[in-house]
Amino acid sequence: MPIDARLDQLIVSLPKAELHIHIEGTLEPEMMFELAARNGVSLPWTTVEEVRAAYEFTDLQSFLDVYYQGASALVSSEDFDDLMWAYLQRAADDGVRHAEIFFDPQTHTHRGIGAAHFMAGFERAMQRAEQELGITSSLILCFLRHLPPDDAVATLRDASDHLRRVVAVGLDSSERGHPPEPFAPAYRVAAELGLRAVAHAGEEGPSSYVMGALDVLGAERIDHGVRALEDPALVARLRDERIPLTVCPLSNLRLRVVETMADHPMRRLMDEGLLVCVNSDDPAYFGGYVADNYRALVEGLGFGKDEIVTLARNSIEASFLPVERKRDLLGDIEAIAAGH
């Protein structure tokens, strides 16, 4: 169903937390070419149109192949500052008041770019956004699951002097054939460093990967998790323990997890009483930032005001924010919702 102006205004004005966003996945083609030219990096495309034409994905791996090529344009500390600042501006325009942002250090360290380099760029933009835009943010250091688990441990230890803005560790990249359990040592090191735990699971991988992330990695939040519906016992556990799922509707559509938005399981997840929230994943590649993902649920599944308000509320509850800040943001949501 088409979205009406009043509901669209509500989507943008409601305070939200974005909890499933890969900063490297916010690299728009225009910035990609700008940074590549700045750094003398050769790309496999010659125009923005060619890049966008490459965004016809058949699965997660077909996306990752393009994603890593694009990330090669990121070289200097200034590049990482520019990338983060562009995302935080866009998020603030969508009503995001707090973001917990994934980054993939191995994507950069394997190219010879040290953690001090990209972390400094990220931190400058995050501090500026808090001062100028009123949006707070933290980082989630992700391990690439297609690389050896020992490499994840080494990556975390190498970054241990640069964790001021890091609140948690995560697990991402290609899920098929890469269960979470081998990464238990890296998650143990993270716990020793005082970091919290999340993990991608149950997008292309089976529901058993969600169980492994919870039981072996100690994940407090599951990124994606849509295949959890295959296991009624797991659904009951997620509901009873209020374990959040950070769902990304447009990503699921573009990566063929669902064929159409009408097929998306978000309504069923909500009907099951699960703590689900809306996020944009890799918006430069999937055609939509967080407000666009809310709009997709309105247009594809007929979501209305009640569902939109619930999803915004869930995003705050699922965040790692202090209780007092959550209380303030939830109060803002109720006040805005009451005025619509």
C-alpha atoms as a PDB file:
ATOM      1  CA  MET A   1       0.000   0.000   0.000  1.00  0.00           C
ATOM      2  CA  PRO A   2       1.274   3.533  -0.747  1.00  0.00           C
ATOM      3  CA  ILE A   3       2.507   5.455   2.258  1.00  0.00           C
ATOM      4  CA  ASP A   4       0.610   8.578   3.251  1.00  0.00           C
ATOM      5  CA  ALA A   5       2.378  11.806   4.176  1.00  0.00           C
ATOM      6  CA  ARG A   6       1.392  11.741   7.838  1.00  0.00           C
ATOM      7  CA  LEU A   7       2.735   8.220   8.385  1.00  0.00           C
ATOM      8  CA  ASP A   8       5.887   9.101   6.484  1.00  0.00           C
ATOM      9  CA  GLN A   9       6.382  12.102   8.761  1.00  0.00           C
ATOM     10  CA  LEU A  10       5.983   9.838  11.787  1.00  0.00           C
ATOM     11  CA  ILE A  11       8.624   7.430  10.468  1.00  0.00           C
ATOM     12  CA  VAL A  12      11.171  10.213  10.136  1.00  0.00           C
ATOM     13  CA  SER A  13      10.326  12.037  13.361  1.00  0.00           C
ATOM     14  CA  LEU A  14      10.305   9.064  15.744  1.00  0.00           C
ATOM     15  CA  PRO A  15      13.570   8.680  17.695  1.00  0.00           C
ATOM     16  CA  LYS A  16      15.276   5.474  16.635  1.00  0.00           C
ATOM     17  CA  ALA A  17      18.421   3.479  17.260  1.00  0.00           C
ATOM     18  CA  GLU A  18      20.117   1.816  14.312  1.00  0.00           C
ATOM     19  CA  LEU A  19      21.826  -1.360  15.472  1.00  0.00           C
ATOM     20  CA  HIS A  20      22.670  -3.200  12.252  1.00  0.00           C
ATOM     21  CA  ILE A  21      24.646  -0.938   9.962  1.00  0.00           C
ATOM     22  CA  HIS A  22      28.004  -1.728   8.341  1.00  0.00           C
ATOM     23  CA  ILE A  23      29.918   1.505   7.888  1.00  0.00           C
ATOM     24  CA  GLU A  24      31.726   0.127   4.842  1.00  0.00           C
ATOM     25  CA  GLY A  25      28.272  -0.613   3.410  1.00  0.00           C
ATOM     26  CA  THR A  26      27.368   3.081   3.462  1.00  0.00           C
ATOM     27  CA  LEU A  27      29.964   3.884   0.796  1.00  0.00           C
ATOM     28  CA  GLU A  28      27.875   5.445  -1.959  1.00  0.00           C
ATOM     29  CA  PRO A  29      29.225   5.093  -5.539  1.00  0.00           C
ATOM     30  CA  GLU A  30      29.849   8.839  -5.842  1.00  0.00           C
ATOM     31  CA  MET A  31      32.049   8.824  -2.735  1.00  0.00           C
ATOM     32  CA  MET A  32      33.705   5.601  -3.884  1.00  0.00           C
ATOM     33  CA  PHE A  33      34.915   7.282  -7.068  1.00  0.00           C
ATOM     34  CA  GLU A  34      35.909  10.447  -5.205  1.00  0.00           C
ATOM     35  CA  LEU A  35      38.038   8.505  -2.720  1.00  0.00           C
ATOM     36  CA  ALA A  36      39.513   6.240  -5.393  1.00  0.00           C
ATOM     37  CA  ALA A  37      40.628   9.299  -7.353  1.00  0.00           C
ATOM     38  CA  ARG A  38      42.009  10.910  -4.188  1.00  0.00           C
ATOM     39  CA  ASN A  39      44.031   7.795  -3.371  1.00  0.00           C
ATOM     40  CA  GLY A  40      45.016   6.584  -6.845  1.00  0.00           C
ATOM     41  CA  VAL A  41      43.013   3.369  -6.433  1.00  0.00           C
ATOM     42  CA  SER A  42      41.867   1.531  -9.549  1.00  0.00           C
ATOM     43  CA  LEU A  43      38.253   0.308  -9.495  1.00  0.00           C
ATOM     44  CA  PRO A  44      36.694  -2.305 -11.798  1.00  0.00           C
ATOM     45  CA  TRP A  45      34.056   0.240 -12.856  1.00  0.00           C
ATOM     46  CA  THR A  46      34.388   3.532 -14.717  1.00  0.00           C
ATOM     47  CA  THR A  47      31.078   5.230 -13.922  1.00  0.00           C
ATOM     48  CA  VAL A  48      28.540   5.461 -11.127  1.00  0.00           C
ATOM     49  CA  GLU A  49      26.039   3.797 -13.454  1.00  0.00           C
ATOM     50  CA  GLU A  50      28.332   0.799 -13.911  1.00  0.00           C
ATOM     51  CA  VAL A  51      28.689   0.439 -10.157  1.00  0.00           C
ATOM     52  CA  ARG A  52      24.935   0.531  -9.611  1.00  0.00           C
ATOM     53  CA  ALA A  53      24.463  -1.998 -12.405  1.00  0.00           C
ATOM     54  CA  ALA A  54      26.698  -4.375 -10.418  1.00  0.00           C
ATOM     55  CA  TYR A  55      24.206  -4.257  -7.525  1.00  0.00           C
ATOM     56  CA  GLU A  56      22.041  -7.037  -8.899  1.00  0.00           C
ATOM     57  CA  PHE A  57      22.818  -9.659  -6.292  1.00  0.00           C
ATOM     58  CA  THR A  58      21.809 -13.302  -6.282  1.00  0.00           C
ATOM     59  CA  ASP A  59      22.922 -14.047  -2.716  1.00  0.00           C
ATOM     60  CA  LEU A  60      25.128 -12.780   0.084  1.00  0.00           C
ATOM     61  CA  GLN A  61      28.404 -13.808  -1.555  1.00  0.00           C
ATOM     62  CA  SER A  62      27.623 -11.987  -4.806  1.00  0.00           C
ATOM     63  CA  PHE A  63      27.156  -8.842  -2.732  1.00  0.00           C
ATOM     64  CA  LEU A  64      30.347  -9.357  -0.711  1.00  0.00           C
ATOM     65  CA  ASP A  65      32.409  -9.647  -3.889  1.00  0.00           C
ATOM     66  CA  VAL A  66      31.369  -6.106  -4.852  1.00  0.00           C
ATOM     67  CA  TYR A  67      31.475  -4.824  -1.260  1.00  0.00           C
ATOM     68  CA  TYR A  68      35.147  -5.665  -0.751  1.00  0.00           C
ATOM     69  CA  GLN A  69      36.108  -4.135  -4.106  1.00  0.00           C
ATOM     70  CA  GLY A  70      34.402  -0.909  -3.100  1.00  0.00           C
ATOM     71  CA  ALA A  71      36.110  -0.836   0.291  1.00  0.00           C
ATOM     72  CA  SER A  72      39.503  -0.729  -1.441  1.00  0.00           C
ATOM     73  CA  ALA A  73      38.905   2.995  -2.066  1.00  0.00           C
ATOM     74  CA  LEU A  74      39.172   3.648   1.691  1.00  0.00           C
ATOM     75  CA  VAL A  75      42.805   4.419   2.453  1.00  0.00           C
ATOM     76  CA  SER A  76      43.484   7.543   4.530  1.00  0.00           C
ATOM     77  CA  SER A  77      42.220   8.492   7.973  1.00  0.00           C
ATOM     78  CA  GLU A  78      40.369  11.325   6.236  1.00  0.00           C
ATOM     79  CA  ASP A  79      38.516   8.767   4.085  1.00  0.00           C
ATOM     80  CA  PHE A  80      37.165   6.973   7.147  1.00  0.00           C
ATOM     81  CA  ASP A  81      36.187  10.310   8.692  1.00  0.00           C
ATOM     82  CA  ASP A  82      34.319  11.305   5.520  1.00  0.00           C
ATOM     83  CA  LEU A  83      32.569   7.945   5.322  1.00  0.00           C
ATOM     84  CA  MET A  84      31.382   8.017   8.927  1.00  0.00           C
ATOM     85  CA  TRP A  85      30.300  11.655   8.779  1.00  0.00           C
ATOM     86  CA  ALA A  86      28.231  11.052   5.631  1.00  0.00           C
ATOM     87  CA  TYR A  87      26.421   8.130   7.281  1.00  0.00           C
ATOM     88  CA  LEU A  88      25.731   9.945  10.544  1.00  0.00           C
ATOM     89  CA  GLN A  89      24.309  12.950   8.705  1.00  0.00           C
ATOM     90  CA  ARG A  90      21.971  10.697   6.747  1.00  0.00           C
ATOM     91  CA  ALA A  91      20.972   8.750   9.853  1.00  0.00           C
ATOM     92  CA  ALA A  92      20.186  11.930  11.773  1.00  0.00           C
ATOM     93  CA  ASP A  93      17.928  13.043   8.911  1.00  0.00           C
ATOM     94  CA  ASP A  94      16.041   9.745   9.330  1.00  0.00           C
ATOM     95  CA  GLY A  95      15.451  10.328  13.045  1.00  0.00           C
ATOM     96  CA  VAL A  96      18.242   8.083  14.313  1.00  0.00           C
ATOM     97  CA  ARG A  97      19.319   9.358  17.725  1.00  0.00           C
ATOM     98  CA  HIS A  98      21.829   6.588  18.431  1.00  0.00           C
ATOM     99  CA  ALA A  99      23.744   4.174  16.188  1.00  0.00           C
ATOM    100  CA  GLU A 100      25.806   1.112  17.033  1.00  0.00           C
ATOM    101  CA  ILE A 101      27.932   0.742  13.942  1.00  0.00           C
ATOM    102  CA  PHE A 102      29.679  -2.358  12.604  1.00  0.00           C
ATOM    103  CA  PHE A 103      33.147  -2.057  11.125  1.00  0.00           C
ATOM    104  CA  ASP A 104      35.382  -4.751   9.631  1.00  0.00           C
ATOM    105  CA  PRO A 105      38.995  -4.142  10.676  1.00  0.00           C
ATOM    106  CA  GLN A 106      40.272  -7.180   8.757  1.00  0.00           C
ATOM    107  CA  THR A 107      39.037  -5.638   5.505  1.00  0.00           C
ATOM    108  CA  HIS A 108      41.498  -2.818   6.130  1.00  0.00           C
ATOM    109  CA  THR A 109      44.367  -4.386   8.074  1.00  0.00           C
ATOM    110  CA  HIS A 110      44.760  -7.015   5.354  1.00  0.00           C
ATOM    111  CA  ARG A 111      45.455  -4.096   2.998  1.00  0.00           C
ATOM    112  CA  GLY A 112      48.112  -2.717   5.317  1.00  0.00           C
ATOM    113  CA  ILE A 113      45.923  -0.052   6.973  1.00  0.00           C
ATOM    114  CA  GLY A 114      46.433  -0.096  10.736  1.00  0.00           C
ATOM    115  CA  ALA A 115      43.718   0.173  13.362  1.00  0.00           C
ATOM    116  CA  ALA A 116      45.016   3.511  14.662  1.00  0.00           C
ATOM    117  CA  HIS A 117      44.518   4.938  11.183  1.00  0.00           C
ATOM    118  CA  PHE A 118      40.853   4.098  10.580  1.00  0.00           C
ATOM    119  CA  MET A 119      39.793   4.368  14.211  1.00  0.00           C
ATOM    120  CA  ALA A 120      41.005   7.967  14.377  1.00  0.00           C
ATOM    121  CA  GLY A 121      38.901   8.836  11.344  1.00  0.00           C
ATOM    122  CA  PHE A 122      35.817   7.158  12.735  1.00  0.00           C
ATOM    123  CA  GLU A 123      36.191   8.830  16.120  1.00  0.00           C
ATOM    124  CA  ARG A 124      36.539  12.358  14.693  1.00  0.00           C
ATOM    125  CA  ALA A 125      33.282  12.020  12.768  1.00  0.00           C
ATOM    126  CA  MET A 126      31.443  10.425  15.687  1.00  0.00           C
ATOM    127  CA  GLN A 127      32.463  13.188  18.064  1.00  0.00           C
ATOM    128  CA  ARG A 128      31.489  15.859  15.541  1.00  0.00           C
ATOM    129  CA  ALA A 129      28.095  14.233  14.968  1.00  0.00           C
ATOM    130  CA  GLU A 130      27.367  14.172  18.672  1.00  0.00           C
ATOM    131  CA  GLN A 131      28.235  17.850  18.987  1.00  0.00           C
ATOM    132  CA  GLU A 132      26.596  19.130  15.795  1.00  0.00           C
ATOM    133  CA  LEU A 133      23.764  16.668  15.098  1.00  0.00           C
ATOM    134  CA  GLY A 134      22.862  15.359  18.540  1.00  0.00           C
ATOM    135  CA  ILE A 135      23.316  11.736  17.453  1.00  0.00           C
ATOM    136  CA  THR A 136      25.368   9.463  19.696  1.00  0.00           C
ATOM    137  CA  SER A 137      27.171   6.416  18.374  1.00  0.00           C
ATOM    138  CA  SER A 138      29.423   3.529  19.278  1.00  0.00           C
ATOM    139  CA  LEU A 139      31.282   0.888  17.290  1.00  0.00           C
ATOM    140  CA  ILE A 140      30.985  -2.885  17.011  1.00  0.00           C
ATOM    141  CA  LEU A 141      34.177  -4.601  15.891  1.00  0.00           C
ATOM    142  CA  CYS A 142      33.242  -7.465  13.560  1.00  0.00           C
ATOM    143  CA  PHE A 143      35.193 -10.591  12.725  1.00  0.00           C
ATOM    144  CA  LEU A 144      35.027 -11.874   9.145  1.00  0.00           C
ATOM    145  CA  ARG A 145      33.780 -15.423   9.449  1.00  0.00           C
ATOM    146  CA  HIS A 146      35.261 -16.560   6.130  1.00  0.00           C
ATOM    147  CA  LEU A 147      38.728 -15.949   7.575  1.00  0.00           C
ATOM    148  CA  PRO A 148      40.398 -18.255  10.134  1.00  0.00           C
ATOM    149  CA  PRO A 149      39.171 -17.882  13.741  1.00  0.00           C
ATOM    150  CA  ASP A 150      42.765 -17.389  14.908  1.00  0.00           C
ATOM    151  CA  ASP A 151      42.892 -14.293  12.729  1.00  0.00           C
ATOM    152  CA  ALA A 152      39.885 -12.916  14.627  1.00  0.00           C
ATOM    153  CA  VAL A 153      41.742 -13.301  17.938  1.00  0.00           C
ATOM    154  CA  ALA A 154      44.823 -11.591  16.510  1.00  0.00           C
ATOM    155  CA  THR A 155      42.728  -8.765  15.080  1.00  0.00           C
ATOM    156  CA  LEU A 156      41.109  -8.071  18.432  1.00  0.00           C
ATOM    157  CA  ARG A 157      44.411  -8.120  20.298  1.00  0.00           C
ATOM    158  CA  ASP A 158      45.960  -5.772  17.719  1.00  0.00           C
ATOM    159  CA  ALA A 159      43.043  -3.356  18.187  1.00  0.00           C
ATOM    160  CA  SER A 160      43.073  -3.520  21.992  1.00  0.00           C
ATOM    161  CA  ASP A 161      44.625  -0.049  22.337  1.00  0.00           C
ATOM    162  CA  HIS A 162      41.926   1.508  20.148  1.00  0.00           C
ATOM    163  CA  LEU A 163      38.668   0.416  21.769  1.00  0.00           C
ATOM    164  CA  ARG A 164      37.478   3.728  23.254  1.00  0.00           C
ATOM    165  CA  ARG A 165      34.386   3.827  21.042  1.00  0.00           C
ATOM    166  CA  VAL A 166      33.912   0.055  20.755  1.00  0.00           C
ATOM    167  CA  VAL A 167      31.014  -1.385  22.763  1.00  0.00           C
ATOM    168  CA  ALA A 168      30.845  -4.935  21.400  1.00  0.00           C
ATOM    169  CA  VAL A 169      32.190  -7.493  18.963  1.00  0.00           C
ATOM    170  CA  GLY A 170      30.233  -9.091  16.145  1.00  0.00           C
ATOM    171  CA  LEU A 171      30.517 -11.763  13.480  1.00  0.00           C
ATOM    172  CA  ASP A 172      29.704 -11.067   9.834  1.00  0.00           C
ATOM    173  CA  SER A 173      30.592 -11.924   6.198  1.00  0.00           C
ATOM    174  CA  SER A 174      29.456 -15.053   4.333  1.00  0.00           C
ATOM    175  CA  GLU A 175      27.329 -17.242   6.594  1.00  0.00           C
ATOM    176  CA  ARG A 176      26.943 -20.411   4.533  1.00  0.00           C
ATOM    177  CA  GLY A 177      29.373 -23.044   5.727  1.00  0.00           C
ATOM    178  CA  HIS A 178      30.747 -20.794   8.468  1.00  0.00           C
ATOM    179  CA  PRO A 179      29.022 -21.621  11.771  1.00  0.00           C
ATOM    180  CA  PRO A 180      29.650 -19.396  14.773  1.00  0.00           C
ATOM    181  CA  GLU A 181      31.169 -21.935  17.167  1.00  0.00           C
ATOM    182  CA  PRO A 182      34.818 -21.743  15.943  1.00  0.00           C
ATOM    183  CA  PHE A 183      34.900 -18.079  16.958  1.00  0.00           C
ATOM    184  CA  ALA A 184      34.396 -18.824  20.659  1.00  0.00           C
ATOM    185  CA  PRO A 185      38.059 -17.996  21.522  1.00  0.00           C
ATOM    186  CA  ALA A 186      37.753 -14.518  19.984  1.00  0.00           C
ATOM    187  CA  TYR A 187      34.558 -13.888  21.918  1.00  0.00           C
ATOM    188  CA  ARG A 188      36.246 -14.996  25.142  1.00  0.00           C
ATOM    189  CA  VAL A 189      39.013 -12.459  24.564  1.00  0.00           C
ATOM    190  CA  ALA A 190      36.346  -9.819  23.886  1.00  0.00           C
ATOM    191  CA  ALA A 191      34.618 -10.617  27.185  1.00  0.00           C
ATOM    192  CA  GLU A 192      37.943 -10.285  29.004  1.00  0.00           C
ATOM    193  CA  LEU A 193      38.269  -6.814  27.453  1.00  0.00           C
ATOM    194  CA  GLY A 194      34.821  -5.868  28.758  1.00  0.00           C
ATOM    195  CA  LEU A 195      33.090  -5.931  25.360  1.00  0.00           C
ATOM    196  CA  ARG A 196      29.552  -7.128  24.749  1.00  0.00           C
ATOM    197  CA  ALA A 197      28.594  -9.654  22.082  1.00  0.00           C
ATOM    198  CA  VAL A 198      26.373  -9.774  18.999  1.00  0.00           C
ATOM    199  CA  ALA A 199      26.521 -12.011  15.926  1.00  0.00           C
ATOM    200  CA  HIS A 200      25.052 -12.363  12.460  1.00  0.00           C
ATOM    201  CA  ALA A 201      23.102 -15.608  12.336  1.00  0.00           C
ATOM    202  CA  GLY A 202      20.029 -17.072  10.707  1.00  0.00           C
ATOM    203  CA  GLU A 203      20.038 -14.997   7.517  1.00  0.00           C
ATOM    204  CA  GLU A 204      21.301 -17.544   4.993  1.00  0.00           C
ATOM    205  CA  GLY A 205      22.504 -19.953   7.647  1.00  0.00           C
ATOM    206  CA  PRO A 206      20.097 -22.262   9.513  1.00  0.00           C
ATOM    207  CA  SER A 207      18.389 -21.600  12.822  1.00  0.00           C
ATOM    208  CA  SER A 208      21.044 -23.767  14.500  1.00  0.00           C
ATOM    209  CA  TYR A 209      23.520 -20.939  13.836  1.00  0.00           C
ATOM    210  CA  VAL A 210      21.359 -18.691  16.003  1.00  0.00           C
ATOM    211  CA  MET A 211      21.533 -21.252  18.799  1.00  0.00           C
ATOM    212  CA  GLY A 212      25.296 -21.506  18.416  1.00  0.00           C
ATOM    213  CA  ALA A 213      25.683 -17.740  18.565  1.00  0.00           C
ATOM    214  CA  LEU A 214      23.652 -17.606  21.765  1.00  0.00           C
ATOM    215  CA  ASP A 215      25.050 -20.635  23.564  1.00  0.00           C
ATOM    216  CA  VAL A 216      28.684 -20.679  22.430  1.00  0.00           C
ATOM    217  CA  LEU A 217      29.480 -17.046  21.657  1.00  0.00           C
ATOM    218  CA  GLY A 218      27.249 -15.564  24.336  1.00  0.00           C
ATOM    219  CA  ALA A 219      25.579 -13.220  21.860  1.00  0.00           C
ATOM    220  CA  GLU A 220      23.148 -10.813  23.506  1.00  0.00           C
ATOM    221  CA  ARG A 221      21.627  -9.740  20.206  1.00  0.00           C
ATOM    222  CA  ILE A 222      21.191 -11.582  16.897  1.00  0.00           C
ATOM    223  CA  ASP A 223      21.750  -9.741  13.632  1.00  0.00           C
ATOM    224  CA  HIS A 224      19.159 -10.824  11.053  1.00  0.00           C
ATOM    225  CA  GLY A 225      17.835 -14.017  12.689  1.00  0.00           C
ATOM    226  CA  VAL A 226      14.872 -14.348  10.322  1.00  0.00           C
ATOM    227  CA  ARG A 227      15.368 -18.110   9.976  1.00  0.00           C
ATOM    228  CA  ALA A 228      14.812 -18.537  13.700  1.00  0.00           C
ATOM    229  CA  LEU A 229      11.168 -19.046  12.744  1.00  0.00           C
ATOM    230  CA  GLU A 230      12.112 -22.530  11.535  1.00  0.00           C
ATOM    231  CA  ASP A 231      12.553 -23.668  15.152  1.00  0.00           C
ATOM    232  CA  PRO A 232       9.548 -23.158  17.491  1.00  0.00           C
ATOM    233  CA  ALA A 233      11.666 -23.828  20.574  1.00  0.00           C
ATOM    234  CA  LEU A 234      14.131 -21.155  19.509  1.00  0.00           C
ATOM    235  CA  VAL A 235      11.300 -18.706  18.882  1.00  0.00           C
ATOM    236  CA  ALA A 236      10.005 -19.342  22.398  1.00  0.00           C
ATOM    237  CA  ARG A 237      13.471 -18.759  23.831  1.00  0.00           C
ATOM    238  CA  LEU A 238      13.955 -15.512  21.912  1.00  0.00           C
ATOM    239  CA  ARG A 239      10.575 -14.322  23.143  1.00  0.00           C
ATOM    240  CA  ASP A 240      11.003 -15.399  26.760  1.00  0.00           C
ATOM    241  CA  GLU A 241      14.526 -13.994  27.089  1.00  0.00           C
ATOM    242  CA  ARG A 242      13.770 -10.835  25.076  1.00  0.00           C
ATOM    243  CA  ILE A 243      16.747 -11.438  22.813  1.00  0.00           C
ATOM    244  CA  PRO A 244      16.670  -8.788  20.072  1.00  0.00           C
ATOM    245  CA  LEU A 245      16.770  -9.488  16.352  1.00  0.00           C
ATOM    246  CA  THR A 246      18.154  -6.669  14.212  1.00  0.00           C
ATOM    247  CA  VAL A 247      16.194  -7.210  11.007  1.00  0.00           C
ATOM    248  CA  CYS A 248      17.033  -5.553   7.669  1.00  0.00           C
ATOM    249  CA  PRO A 249      14.050  -5.793   5.277  1.00  0.00           C
ATOM    250  CA  LEU A 250      15.543  -4.269   2.122  1.00  0.00           C
ATOM    251  CA  SER A 251      18.732  -6.285   2.576  1.00  0.00           C
ATOM    252  CA  ASN A 252      16.668  -9.480   2.832  1.00  0.00           C
ATOM    253  CA  LEU A 253      14.911  -8.530  -0.377  1.00  0.00           C
ATOM    254  CA  ARG A 254      18.021  -7.593  -2.362  1.00  0.00           C
ATOM    255  CA  LEU A 255      19.917 -10.717  -1.264  1.00  0.00           C
ATOM    256  CA  ARG A 256      16.993 -12.994  -2.163  1.00  0.00           C
ATOM    257  CA  VAL A 257      16.295 -14.109   1.384  1.00  0.00           C
ATOM    258  CA  VAL A 258      12.714 -13.223   0.397  1.00  0.00           C
ATOM    259  CA  GLU A 259      11.388 -12.856  -3.134  1.00  0.00           C
ATOM    260  CA  THR A 260       9.088  -9.907  -2.446  1.00  0.00           C
ATOM    261  CA  MET A 261       8.522  -7.608   0.508  1.00  0.00           C
ATOM    262  CA  ALA A 262       5.084  -9.161   0.882  1.00  0.00           C
ATOM    263  CA  ASP A 263       6.930 -12.403   1.715  1.00  0.00           C
ATOM    264  CA  HIS A 264       9.012 -10.834   4.458  1.00  0.00           C
ATOM    265  CA  PRO A 265       8.561 -12.489   7.895  1.00  0.00           C
ATOM    266  CA  MET A 266       8.619  -9.252   9.909  1.00  0.00           C
ATOM    267  CA  ARG A 267       4.918  -9.349  10.730  1.00  0.00           C
ATOM    268  CA  ARG A 268       5.161 -12.982  11.800  1.00  0.00           C
ATOM    269  CA  LEU A 269       8.191 -12.158  13.966  1.00  0.00           C
ATOM    270  CA  MET A 270       6.198  -9.411  15.645  1.00  0.00           C
ATOM    271  CA  ASP A 271       3.121 -11.606  16.022  1.00  0.00           C
ATOM    272  CA  GLU A 272       5.344 -14.128  17.823  1.00  0.00           C
ATOM    273  CA  GLY A 273       6.129 -11.422  20.365  1.00  0.00           C
ATOM    274  CA  LEU A 274       9.811 -11.122  19.423  1.00  0.00           C
ATOM    275  CA  LEU A 275      11.910  -8.033  20.083  1.00  0.00           C
ATOM    276  CA  VAL A 276      12.628  -7.046  16.490  1.00  0.00           C
ATOM    277  CA  CYS A 277      13.840  -3.733  15.132  1.00  0.00           C
ATOM    278  CA  VAL A 278      14.413  -2.214  11.692  1.00  0.00           C
ATOM    279  CA  ASN A 279      17.860  -1.472  10.271  1.00  0.00           C
ATOM    280  CA  SER A 280      19.506  -0.813   6.912  1.00  0.00           C
ATOM    281  CA  ASP A 281      22.534  -3.179   6.894  1.00  0.00           C
ATOM    282  CA  ASP A 282      24.468  -1.929   3.808  1.00  0.00           C
ATOM    283  CA  PRO A 283      22.243   0.870   2.530  1.00  0.00           C
ATOM    284  CA  ALA A 284      24.489   2.110  -0.280  1.00  0.00           C
ATOM    285  CA  TYR A 285      24.202  -1.323  -1.872  1.00  0.00           C
ATOM    286  CA  PHE A 286      20.625  -2.252  -0.967  1.00  0.00           C
ATOM    287  CA  GLY A 287      18.886   0.967  -1.953  1.00  0.00           C
ATOM    288  CA  GLY A 288      17.628   2.300   1.336  1.00  0.00           C
ATOM    289  CA  TYR A 289      18.586   3.801   4.685  1.00  0.00           C
ATOM    290  CA  VAL A 290      16.657   3.134   7.863  1.00  0.00           C
ATOM    291  CA  ALA A 291      13.565   5.248   7.088  1.00  0.00           C
ATOM    292  CA  ASP A 292      13.381   3.571   3.675  1.00  0.00           C
ATOM    293  CA  ASN A 293      13.243   0.199   5.418  1.00  0.00           C
ATOM    294  CA  TYR A 294      10.316   1.365   7.543  1.00  0.00           C
ATOM    295  CA  ARG A 295       8.594   2.609   4.379  1.00  0.00           C
ATOM    296  CA  ALA A 296       9.142  -0.759   2.717  1.00  0.00           C
ATOM    297  CA  LEU A 297       7.234  -2.460   5.546  1.00  0.00           C
ATOM    298  CA  VAL A 298       4.359  -0.009   5.148  1.00  0.00           C
ATOM    299  CA  GLU A 299       4.200  -0.498   1.394  1.00  0.00           C
ATOM    300  CA  GLY A 300       4.883  -4.229   1.326  1.00  0.00           C
ATOM    301  CA  LEU A 301       3.206  -5.502   4.488  1.00  0.00           C
ATOM    302  CA  GLY A 302       0.653  -2.808   5.269  1.00  0.00           C
ATOM    303  CA  PHE A 303       2.282  -1.698   8.511  1.00  0.00           C
ATOM    304  CA  GLY A 304       0.573   1.234  10.203  1.00  0.00           C
ATOM    305  CA  LYS A 305       1.215   3.619  13.054  1.00  0.00           C
ATOM    306  CA  ASP A 306       1.099   1.018  15.837  1.00  0.00           C
ATOM    307  CA  GLU A 307       3.682  -1.242  14.206  1.00  0.00           C
ATOM    308  CA  ILE A 308       5.971   1.671  13.328  1.00  0.00           C
ATOM    309  CA  VAL A 309       5.901   2.996  16.899  1.00  0.00           C
ATOM    310  CA  THR A 310       6.534  -0.491  18.293  1.00  0.00           C
ATOM    311  CA  LEU A 311       9.539  -0.984  16.020  1.00  0.00           C
ATOM    312  CA  ALA A 312      11.041   2.368  17.013  1.00  0.00           C
ATOM    313  CA  ARG A 313      10.484   1.536  20.670  1.00  0.00           C
ATOM    314  CA  ASN A 314      12.083  -1.885  20.176  1.00  0.00           C
ATOM    315  CA  SER A 315      15.195  -0.314  18.641  1.00  0.00           C
ATOM    316  CA  ILE A 316      15.805   1.717  21.774  1.00  0.00           C
ATOM    317  CA  GLU A 317      15.153  -1.239  24.069  1.00  0.00           C
ATOM    318  CA  ALA A 318      17.509  -3.447  22.063  1.00  0.00           C
ATOM    319  CA  SER A 319      20.378  -0.950  22.159  1.00  0.00           C
ATOM    320  CA  PHE A 320      23.326  -0.953  24.560  1.00  0.00           C
ATOM    321  CA  LEU A 321      22.451   2.533  25.785  1.00  0.00           C
ATOM    322  CA  PRO A 322      22.357   3.313  29.520  1.00  0.00           C
ATOM    323  CA  VAL A 323      18.960   2.882  31.175  1.00  0.00           C
ATOM    324  CA  GLU A 324      18.525   6.613  31.715  1.00  0.00           C
ATOM    325  CA  ARG A 325      19.083   7.452  28.041  1.00  0.00           C
ATOM    326  CA  LYS A 326      16.711   4.694  26.986  1.00  0.00           C
ATOM    327  CA  ARG A 327      14.065   6.099  29.305  1.00  0.00           C
ATOM    328  CA  ASP A 328      14.442   9.575  27.805  1.00  0.00           C
ATOM    329  CA  LEU A 329      14.242   8.344  24.219  1.00  0.00           C
ATOM    330  CA  LEU A 330      11.256   6.113  24.936  1.00  0.00           C
ATOM    331  CA  GLY A 331       9.521   9.092  26.487  1.00  0.00           C
ATOM    332  CA  ASP A 332      10.205  11.104  23.334  1.00  0.00           C
ATOM    333  CA  ILE A 333       8.703   8.298  21.231  1.00  0.00           C
ATOM    334  CA  GLU A 334       5.526   8.252  23.298  1.00  0.00           C
ATOM    335  CA  ALA A 335       5.175  12.038  23.087  1.00  0.00           C
ATOM    336  CA  ILE A 336       5.605  12.122  19.324  1.00  0.00           C
ATOM    337  CA  ALA A 337       3.306   9.139  18.793  1.00  0.00           C
ATOM    338  CA  ALA A 338       0.612  10.798  20.901  1.00  0.00           C
ATOM    339  CA  GLY A 339       0.757  13.833  18.631  1.00  0.00           C
ATOM    340  CA  HIS A 340       0.122  11.817  15.489  1.00  0.00           C
END
